[in-house]
Protein backbone atom coordinates (compact mmCIF):
# COMPACT_ATOMS: atom_id res chain seq x y z
CA UNK A 1 0.00 0.00 0.00
CA UNK A 2 1.21 3.48 -0.82
CA UNK A 3 1.69 5.78 2.13
CA UNK A 4 0.05 8.59 0.15
CA UNK A 5 -2.72 9.07 -2.39
CA UNK A 6 -2.76 12.12 -4.64
CA UNK A 7 -5.79 13.97 -5.98
CA UNK A 8 -5.83 16.53 -8.77
CA UNK A 9 -8.49 19.17 -8.20
CA UNK A 10 -10.09 21.33 -10.86
CA UNK A 11 -12.41 24.26 -10.27
CA UNK A 12 -15.64 24.04 -12.22
CA UNK A 13 -17.33 26.92 -14.03
CA UNK A 14 -19.94 27.09 -11.24
CA UNK A 15 -17.07 27.65 -8.76
CA UNK A 16 -17.36 24.14 -7.27
CA UNK A 17 -14.42 21.71 -7.17
CA UNK A 18 -13.89 18.18 -8.51
CA UNK A 19 -11.13 15.94 -7.14
CA UNK A 20 -9.88 12.86 -8.97
CA UNK A 21 -7.40 10.44 -7.46
CA UNK A 22 -4.41 9.68 -9.70
CA UNK A 23 -3.81 6.14 -8.41
CA UNK A 24 -7.24 4.79 -7.42
CA UNK A 25 -10.72 5.08 -8.96
CA UNK A 26 -11.89 7.74 -6.49
CA UNK A 27 -13.68 10.91 -7.56
CA UNK A 28 -15.53 13.41 -5.38
CA UNK A 29 -16.65 17.04 -5.43
CA UNK A 30 -17.49 19.96 -3.18
CA UNK A 31 -19.07 23.38 -3.50
CA UNK A 32 -16.31 24.97 -1.38
CA UNK A 33 -12.66 24.11 -0.73
CA UNK A 34 -13.50 23.13 2.85
CA UNK A 35 -16.35 20.85 1.70
CA UNK A 36 -14.07 19.29 -0.92
CA UNK A 37 -11.40 18.52 1.70
CA UNK A 38 -13.98 16.81 3.91
CA UNK A 39 -15.41 14.86 0.96
CA UNK A 40 -11.94 13.70 -0.13
CA UNK A 41 -11.22 12.37 3.37
CA UNK A 42 -14.58 10.59 3.47
CA UNK A 43 -14.13 9.14 -0.03
CA UNK A 44 -10.67 7.80 0.82
CA UNK A 45 -11.94 6.25 4.07
CA UNK A 46 -14.86 4.64 2.24
CA UNK A 47 -12.69 3.31 -0.59
CA UNK A 48 -10.16 1.73 1.79
CA UNK A 49 -12.75 0.60 4.38
CA UNK A 50 -11.57 -3.03 4.25
CA UNK A 51 -7.85 -2.45 3.68
CA UNK A 52 -4.98 -0.37 4.96
CA UNK A 53 -5.74 3.35 4.66
CA UNK A 54 -3.02 5.61 3.21
CA UNK A 55 -1.11 7.66 5.77
CA UNK A 56 -1.60 10.94 3.88
CA UNK A 57 -3.74 12.46 1.15
CA UNK A 58 -2.32 15.15 -1.11
CA UNK A 59 -4.69 17.44 -3.00
CA UNK A 60 -3.33 19.57 -5.84
CA UNK A 61 -5.32 22.41 -7.34
CA UNK A 62 -4.84 22.53 -11.11
CA UNK A 63 -5.42 26.00 -12.48
CA UNK A 64 -6.09 26.39 -16.16
CA UNK A 65 -6.16 29.95 -17.50
CA UNK A 66 -6.46 31.30 -21.00
CA UNK A 67 -4.93 34.67 -21.78
CA UNK A 68 -5.56 36.78 -24.84
CA UNK A 69 -2.43 37.80 -26.70
CA UNK A 70 -2.29 40.88 -28.86
PDB file of N, CA and C in Angstrom:
ATOM      1  N   UNK A   1       0.838  -1.190   0.000  1.00  0.00           N
ATOM      2  CA  UNK A   1       0.000   0.000   0.000  1.00  0.00           C
ATOM      3  C   UNK A   1       0.879   1.249   0.000  1.00  0.00           C
ATOM      4  N   UNK A   2       0.495   2.209  -0.815  1.00  0.00           N
ATOM      5  CA  UNK A   2       1.209   3.482  -0.821  1.00  0.00           C
ATOM      6  C   UNK A   2       0.915   4.243   0.458  1.00  0.00           C
ATOM      7  N   UNK A   3       1.875   4.977   0.932  1.00  0.00           N
ATOM      8  CA  UNK A   3       1.689   5.781   2.134  1.00  0.00           C
ATOM      9  C   UNK A   3       0.895   7.040   1.833  1.00  0.00           C
ATOM     10  N   UNK A   4       0.719   7.347   0.529  1.00  0.00           N
ATOM     11  CA  UNK A   4       0.055   8.588   0.149  1.00  0.00           C
ATOM     12  C   UNK A   4      -0.790   8.366  -1.105  1.00  0.00           C
ATOM     13  N   UNK A   5      -1.946   9.006  -1.149  1.00  0.00           N
ATOM     14  CA  UNK A   5      -2.716   9.074  -2.387  1.00  0.00           C
ATOM     15  C   UNK A   5      -2.780  10.537  -2.798  1.00  0.00           C
ATOM     16  N   UNK A   6      -2.816  10.760  -4.109  1.00  0.00           N
ATOM     17  CA  UNK A   6      -2.765  12.117  -4.640  1.00  0.00           C
ATOM     18  C   UNK A   6      -4.017  12.384  -5.469  1.00  0.00           C
ATOM     19  N   UNK A   7      -4.629  13.530  -5.221  1.00  0.00           N
ATOM     20  CA  UNK A   7      -5.790  13.974  -5.979  1.00  0.00           C
ATOM     21  C   UNK A   7      -5.435  15.231  -6.752  1.00  0.00           C
ATOM     22  N   UNK A   8      -5.891  15.287  -8.007  1.00  0.00           N
ATOM     23  CA  UNK A   8      -5.827  16.528  -8.769  1.00  0.00           C
ATOM     24  C   UNK A   8      -7.210  17.158  -8.700  1.00  0.00           C
ATOM     25  N   UNK A   9      -7.229  18.447  -8.394  1.00  0.00           N
ATOM     26  CA  UNK A   9      -8.486  19.168  -8.205  1.00  0.00           C
ATOM     27  C   UNK A   9      -8.617  20.230  -9.287  1.00  0.00           C
ATOM     28  N   UNK A  10      -9.787  20.278  -9.903  1.00  0.00           N
ATOM     29  CA  UNK A  10     -10.090  21.329 -10.861  1.00  0.00           C
ATOM     30  C   UNK A  10     -11.283  22.118 -10.358  1.00  0.00           C
ATOM     31  N   UNK A  11     -11.284  23.410 -10.657  1.00  0.00           N
ATOM     32  CA  UNK A  11     -12.407  24.258 -10.272  1.00  0.00           C
ATOM     33  C   UNK A  11     -13.362  24.327 -11.449  1.00  0.00           C
ATOM     34  N   UNK A  12     -14.619  24.038 -11.189  1.00  0.00           N
ATOM     35  CA  UNK A  12     -15.637  24.041 -12.224  1.00  0.00           C
ATOM     36  C   UNK A  12     -16.113  25.449 -12.524  1.00  0.00           C
ATOM     37  N   UNK A  13     -16.808  25.615 -13.625  1.00  0.00           N
ATOM     38  CA  UNK A  13     -17.328  26.917 -14.031  1.00  0.00           C
ATOM     39  C   UNK A  13     -18.251  27.493 -12.956  1.00  0.00           C
ATOM     40  N   UNK A  14     -19.012  26.630 -12.291  1.00  0.00           N
ATOM     41  CA  UNK A  14     -19.943  27.089 -11.243  1.00  0.00           C
ATOM     42  C   UNK A  14     -19.247  27.364  -9.915  1.00  0.00           C
ATOM     43  N   UNK A  15     -17.910  27.357  -9.925  1.00  0.00           N
ATOM     44  CA  UNK A  15     -17.066  27.647  -8.761  1.00  0.00           C
ATOM     45  C   UNK A  15     -16.923  26.468  -7.813  1.00  0.00           C
ATOM     46  N   UNK A  16     -17.557  25.337  -8.079  1.00  0.00           N
ATOM     47  CA  UNK A  16     -17.357  24.144  -7.265  1.00  0.00           C
ATOM     48  C   UNK A  16     -16.040  23.474  -7.649  1.00  0.00           C
ATOM     49  N   UNK A  17     -15.674  22.420  -6.940  1.00  0.00           N
ATOM     50  CA  UNK A  17     -14.418  21.712  -7.167  1.00  0.00           C
ATOM     51  C   UNK A  17     -14.678  20.231  -7.406  1.00  0.00           C
ATOM     52  N   UNK A  18     -13.848  19.617  -8.259  1.00  0.00           N
ATOM     53  CA  UNK A  18     -13.893  18.179  -8.514  1.00  0.00           C
ATOM     54  C   UNK A  18     -12.495  17.635  -8.258  1.00  0.00           C
ATOM     55  N   UNK A  19     -12.419  16.563  -7.464  1.00  0.00           N
ATOM     56  CA  UNK A  19     -11.133  15.944  -7.136  1.00  0.00           C
ATOM     57  C   UNK A  19     -11.108  14.524  -7.679  1.00  0.00           C
ATOM     58  N   UNK A  20     -10.039  14.196  -8.410  1.00  0.00           N
ATOM     59  CA  UNK A  20      -9.880  12.861  -8.975  1.00  0.00           C
ATOM     60  C   UNK A  20      -8.546  12.288  -8.524  1.00  0.00           C
ATOM     61  N   UNK A  21      -8.604  11.104  -7.934  1.00  0.00           N
ATOM     62  CA  UNK A  21      -7.397  10.439  -7.462  1.00  0.00           C
ATOM     63  C   UNK A  21      -6.597   9.936  -8.660  1.00  0.00           C
ATOM     64  N   UNK A  22      -5.275  10.090  -8.597  1.00  0.00           N
ATOM     65  CA  UNK A  22      -4.411   9.677  -9.697  1.00  0.00           C
ATOM     66  C   UNK A  22      -4.061   8.195  -9.671  1.00  0.00           C
ATOM     67  N   UNK A  23      -4.233   7.532  -8.525  1.00  0.00           N
ATOM     68  CA  UNK A  23      -3.808   6.140  -8.408  1.00  0.00           C
ATOM     69  C   UNK A  23      -4.924   5.153  -8.110  1.00  0.00           C
ATOM     70  N   UNK A  24      -6.095   5.641  -7.740  1.00  0.00           N
ATOM     71  CA  UNK A  24      -7.238   4.789  -7.416  1.00  0.00           C
ATOM     72  C   UNK A  24      -8.482   5.363  -8.091  1.00  0.00           C
ATOM     73  N   UNK A  25      -9.505   4.557  -8.326  1.00  0.00           N
ATOM     74  CA  UNK A  25     -10.724   5.077  -8.960  1.00  0.00           C
ATOM     75  C   UNK A  25     -11.623   5.804  -7.955  1.00  0.00           C
ATOM     76  N   UNK A  26     -11.150   6.945  -7.472  1.00  0.00           N
ATOM     77  CA  UNK A  26     -11.888   7.736  -6.490  1.00  0.00           C
ATOM     78  C   UNK A  26     -12.090   9.133  -7.065  1.00  0.00           C
ATOM     79  N   UNK A  27     -13.344   9.570  -7.098  1.00  0.00           N
ATOM     80  CA  UNK A  27     -13.684  10.914  -7.560  1.00  0.00           C
ATOM     81  C   UNK A  27     -14.714  11.481  -6.599  1.00  0.00           C
ATOM     82  N   UNK A  28     -14.561  12.752  -6.247  1.00  0.00           N
ATOM     83  CA  UNK A  28     -15.532  13.413  -5.383  1.00  0.00           C
ATOM     84  C   UNK A  28     -15.575  14.893  -5.740  1.00  0.00           C
ATOM     85  N   UNK A  29     -16.505  15.612  -5.124  1.00  0.00           N
ATOM     86  CA  UNK A  29     -16.654  17.035  -5.429  1.00  0.00           C
ATOM     87  C   UNK A  29     -17.085  17.785  -4.185  1.00  0.00           C
ATOM     88  N   UNK A  30     -17.024  19.105  -4.262  1.00  0.00           N
ATOM     89  CA  UNK A  30     -17.492  19.960  -3.177  1.00  0.00           C
ATOM     90  C   UNK A  30     -17.781  21.351  -3.699  1.00  0.00           C
ATOM     91  N   UNK A  31     -18.725  22.022  -3.081  1.00  0.00           N
ATOM     92  CA  UNK A  31     -19.071  23.384  -3.495  1.00  0.00           C
ATOM     93  C   UNK A  31     -18.035  24.399  -3.030  1.00  0.00           C
ATOM     94  N   UNK A  32     -17.359  24.099  -1.910  1.00  0.00           N
ATOM     95  CA  UNK A  32     -16.310  24.972  -1.380  1.00  0.00           C
ATOM     96  C   UNK A  32     -15.049  24.138  -1.170  1.00  0.00           C
ATOM     97  N   UNK A  33     -13.921  24.818  -0.979  1.00  0.00           N
ATOM     98  CA  UNK A  33     -12.662  24.108  -0.728  1.00  0.00           C
ATOM     99  C   UNK A  33     -12.744  23.284   0.556  1.00  0.00           C
ATOM    100  N   UNK A  34     -13.372  23.841   1.576  1.00  0.00           N
ATOM    101  CA  UNK A  34     -13.503  23.128   2.846  1.00  0.00           C
ATOM    102  C   UNK A  34     -14.362  21.876   2.678  1.00  0.00           C
ATOM    103  N   UNK A  35     -15.479  22.000   1.943  1.00  0.00           N
ATOM    104  CA  UNK A  35     -16.345  20.849   1.697  1.00  0.00           C
ATOM    105  C   UNK A  35     -15.607  19.793   0.879  1.00  0.00           C
ATOM    106  N   UNK A  36     -14.834  20.227  -0.106  1.00  0.00           N
ATOM    107  CA  UNK A  36     -14.066  19.290  -0.919  1.00  0.00           C
ATOM    108  C   UNK A  36     -13.082  18.510  -0.054  1.00  0.00           C
ATOM    109  N   UNK A  37     -12.372  19.189   0.823  1.00  0.00           N
ATOM    110  CA  UNK A  37     -11.400  18.516   1.702  1.00  0.00           C
ATOM    111  C   UNK A  37     -12.080  17.433   2.540  1.00  0.00           C
ATOM    112  N   UNK A  38     -13.227  17.774   3.110  1.00  0.00           N
ATOM    113  CA  UNK A  38     -13.984  16.807   3.907  1.00  0.00           C
ATOM    114  C   UNK A  38     -14.424  15.629   3.046  1.00  0.00           C
ATOM    115  N   UNK A  39     -14.928  15.923   1.843  1.00  0.00           N
ATOM    116  CA  UNK A  39     -15.410  14.864   0.960  1.00  0.00           C
ATOM    117  C   UNK A  39     -14.278  13.959   0.480  1.00  0.00           C
ATOM    118  N   UNK A  40     -13.090  14.521   0.256  1.00  0.00           N
ATOM    119  CA  UNK A  40     -11.937  13.705  -0.129  1.00  0.00           C
ATOM    120  C   UNK A  40     -11.586  12.744   1.004  1.00  0.00           C
ATOM    121  N   UNK A  41     -11.535  13.241   2.227  1.00  0.00           N
ATOM    122  CA  UNK A  41     -11.222  12.372   3.367  1.00  0.00           C
ATOM    123  C   UNK A  41     -12.254  11.255   3.512  1.00  0.00           C
ATOM    124  N   UNK A  42     -13.528  11.597   3.368  1.00  0.00           N
ATOM    125  CA  UNK A  42     -14.584  10.590   3.474  1.00  0.00           C
ATOM    126  C   UNK A  42     -14.507   9.576   2.337  1.00  0.00           C
ATOM    127  N   UNK A  43     -14.222  10.039   1.121  1.00  0.00           N
ATOM    128  CA  UNK A  43     -14.125   9.139  -0.027  1.00  0.00           C
ATOM    129  C   UNK A  43     -12.957   8.172   0.122  1.00  0.00           C
ATOM    130  N   UNK A  44     -11.831   8.664   0.614  1.00  0.00           N
ATOM    131  CA  UNK A  44     -10.666   7.797   0.822  1.00  0.00           C
ATOM    132  C   UNK A  44     -10.973   6.765   1.907  1.00  0.00           C
ATOM    133  N   UNK A  45     -11.578   7.194   3.001  1.00  0.00           N
ATOM    134  CA  UNK A  45     -11.939   6.250   4.071  1.00  0.00           C
ATOM    135  C   UNK A  45     -12.907   5.189   3.569  1.00  0.00           C
ATOM    136  N   UNK A  46     -13.878   5.595   2.768  1.00  0.00           N
ATOM    137  CA  UNK A  46     -14.855   4.639   2.238  1.00  0.00           C
ATOM    138  C   UNK A  46     -14.205   3.665   1.259  1.00  0.00           C
ATOM    139  N   UNK A  47     -13.333   4.163   0.400  1.00  0.00           N
ATOM    140  CA  UNK A  47     -12.692   3.305  -0.594  1.00  0.00           C
ATOM    141  C   UNK A  47     -11.811   2.252   0.074  1.00  0.00           C
ATOM    142  N   UNK A  48     -11.092   2.640   1.115  1.00  0.00           N
ATOM    143  CA  UNK A  48     -10.165   1.733   1.790  1.00  0.00           C
ATOM    144  C   UNK A  48     -10.772   1.126   3.057  1.00  0.00           C
ATOM    145  N   UNK A  49     -12.104   1.045   3.147  1.00  0.00           N
ATOM    146  CA  UNK A  49     -12.745   0.599   4.379  1.00  0.00           C
ATOM    147  C   UNK A  49     -12.314  -0.795   4.817  1.00  0.00           C
ATOM    148  N   UNK A  50     -11.950  -1.665   3.876  1.00  0.00           N
ATOM    149  CA  UNK A  50     -11.567  -3.028   4.252  1.00  0.00           C
ATOM    150  C   UNK A  50     -10.085  -3.324   4.010  1.00  0.00           C
ATOM    151  N   UNK A  51      -9.300  -2.263   3.862  1.00  0.00           N
ATOM    152  CA  UNK A  51      -7.854  -2.450   3.680  1.00  0.00           C
ATOM    153  C   UNK A  51      -7.112  -1.317   4.373  1.00  0.00           C
ATOM    154  N   UNK A  52      -5.809  -1.384   4.294  1.00  0.00           N
ATOM    155  CA  UNK A  52      -4.984  -0.372   4.957  1.00  0.00           C
ATOM    156  C   UNK A  52      -5.199   1.003   4.311  1.00  0.00           C
ATOM    157  N   UNK A  53      -5.512   1.983   5.139  1.00  0.00           N
ATOM    158  CA  UNK A  53      -5.735   3.346   4.661  1.00  0.00           C
ATOM    159  C   UNK A  53      -4.402   4.052   4.471  1.00  0.00           C
ATOM    160  N   UNK A  54      -4.262   4.847   3.400  1.00  0.00           N
ATOM    161  CA  UNK A  54      -3.022   5.609   3.211  1.00  0.00           C
ATOM    162  C   UNK A  54      -2.757   6.528   4.398  1.00  0.00           C
ATOM    163  N   UNK A  55      -1.486   6.783   4.646  1.00  0.00           N
ATOM    164  CA  UNK A  55      -1.113   7.656   5.768  1.00  0.00           C
ATOM    165  C   UNK A  55      -1.457   9.117   5.492  1.00  0.00           C
ATOM    166  N   UNK A  56      -1.317   9.545   4.233  1.00  0.00           N
ATOM    167  CA  UNK A  56      -1.598  10.935   3.883  1.00  0.00           C
ATOM    168  C   UNK A  56      -2.358  11.011   2.560  1.00  0.00           C
ATOM    169  N   UNK A  57      -3.034  12.145   2.389  1.00  0.00           N
ATOM    170  CA  UNK A  57      -3.738  12.462   1.154  1.00  0.00           C
ATOM    171  C   UNK A  57      -3.251  13.827   0.693  1.00  0.00           C
ATOM    172  N   UNK A  58      -2.779  13.880  -0.543  1.00  0.00           N
ATOM    173  CA  UNK A  58      -2.322  15.154  -1.114  1.00  0.00           C
ATOM    174  C   UNK A  58      -3.371  15.611  -2.119  1.00  0.00           C
ATOM    175  N   UNK A  59      -3.764  16.886  -2.021  1.00  0.00           N
ATOM    176  CA  UNK A  59      -4.693  17.439  -3.004  1.00  0.00           C
ATOM    177  C   UNK A  59      -4.022  18.615  -3.695  1.00  0.00           C
ATOM    178  N   UNK A  60      -3.998  18.549  -5.027  1.00  0.00           N
ATOM    179  CA  UNK A  60      -3.332  19.573  -5.839  1.00  0.00           C
ATOM    180  C   UNK A  60      -4.369  20.303  -6.676  1.00  0.00           C
ATOM    181  N   UNK A  61      -4.422  21.598  -6.538  1.00  0.00           N
ATOM    182  CA  UNK A  61      -5.323  22.408  -7.344  1.00  0.00           C
ATOM    183  C   UNK A  61      -4.661  22.686  -8.688  1.00  0.00           C
ATOM    184  N   UNK A  62      -5.325  22.285  -9.749  1.00  0.00           N
ATOM    185  CA  UNK A  62      -4.841  22.529 -11.108  1.00  0.00           C
ATOM    186  C   UNK A  62      -5.569  23.759 -11.626  1.00  0.00           C
ATOM    187  N   UNK A  63      -4.820  24.755 -11.997  1.00  0.00           N
ATOM    188  CA  UNK A  63      -5.421  26.000 -12.477  1.00  0.00           C
ATOM    189  C   UNK A  63      -5.137  26.136 -13.963  1.00  0.00           C
ATOM    190  N   UNK A  64      -6.189  26.279 -14.713  1.00  0.00           N
ATOM    191  CA  UNK A  64      -6.090  26.391 -16.157  1.00  0.00           C
ATOM    192  C   UNK A  64      -6.628  27.756 -16.553  1.00  0.00           C
ATOM    193  N   UNK A  65      -5.769  28.585 -17.134  1.00  0.00           N
ATOM    194  CA  UNK A  65      -6.160  29.950 -17.502  1.00  0.00           C
ATOM    195  C   UNK A  65      -5.842  30.192 -18.955  1.00  0.00           C
ATOM    196  N   UNK A  66      -6.718  30.892 -19.626  1.00  0.00           N
ATOM    197  CA  UNK A  66      -6.457  31.298 -21.005  1.00  0.00           C
ATOM    198  C   UNK A  66      -6.281  32.808 -21.035  1.00  0.00           C
ATOM    199  N   UNK A  67      -5.220  33.244 -21.675  1.00  0.00           N
ATOM    200  CA  UNK A  67      -4.929  34.666 -21.782  1.00  0.00           C
ATOM    201  C   UNK A  67      -4.980  35.089 -23.241  1.00  0.00           C
ATOM    202  N   UNK A  68      -5.546  36.235 -23.481  1.00  0.00           N
ATOM    203  CA  UNK A  68      -5.555  36.782 -24.845  1.00  0.00           C
ATOM    204  C   UNK A  68      -4.199  37.430 -25.120  1.00  0.00           C
ATOM    205  N   UNK A  69      -3.704  37.211 -26.309  1.00  0.00           N
ATOM    206  CA  UNK A  69      -2.426  37.796 -26.699  1.00  0.00           C
ATOM    207  C   UNK A  69      -2.665  38.704 -27.906  1.00  0.00           C
ATOM    208  N   UNK A  70      -2.219  39.940 -27.743  1.00  0.00           N
ATOM    209  CA  UNK A  70      -2.286  40.880 -28.860  1.00  0.00           C
ATOM    210  C   UNK A  70      -3.554  41.516 -29.028  1.00  0.00           C
TER     211      UNK A  70
END
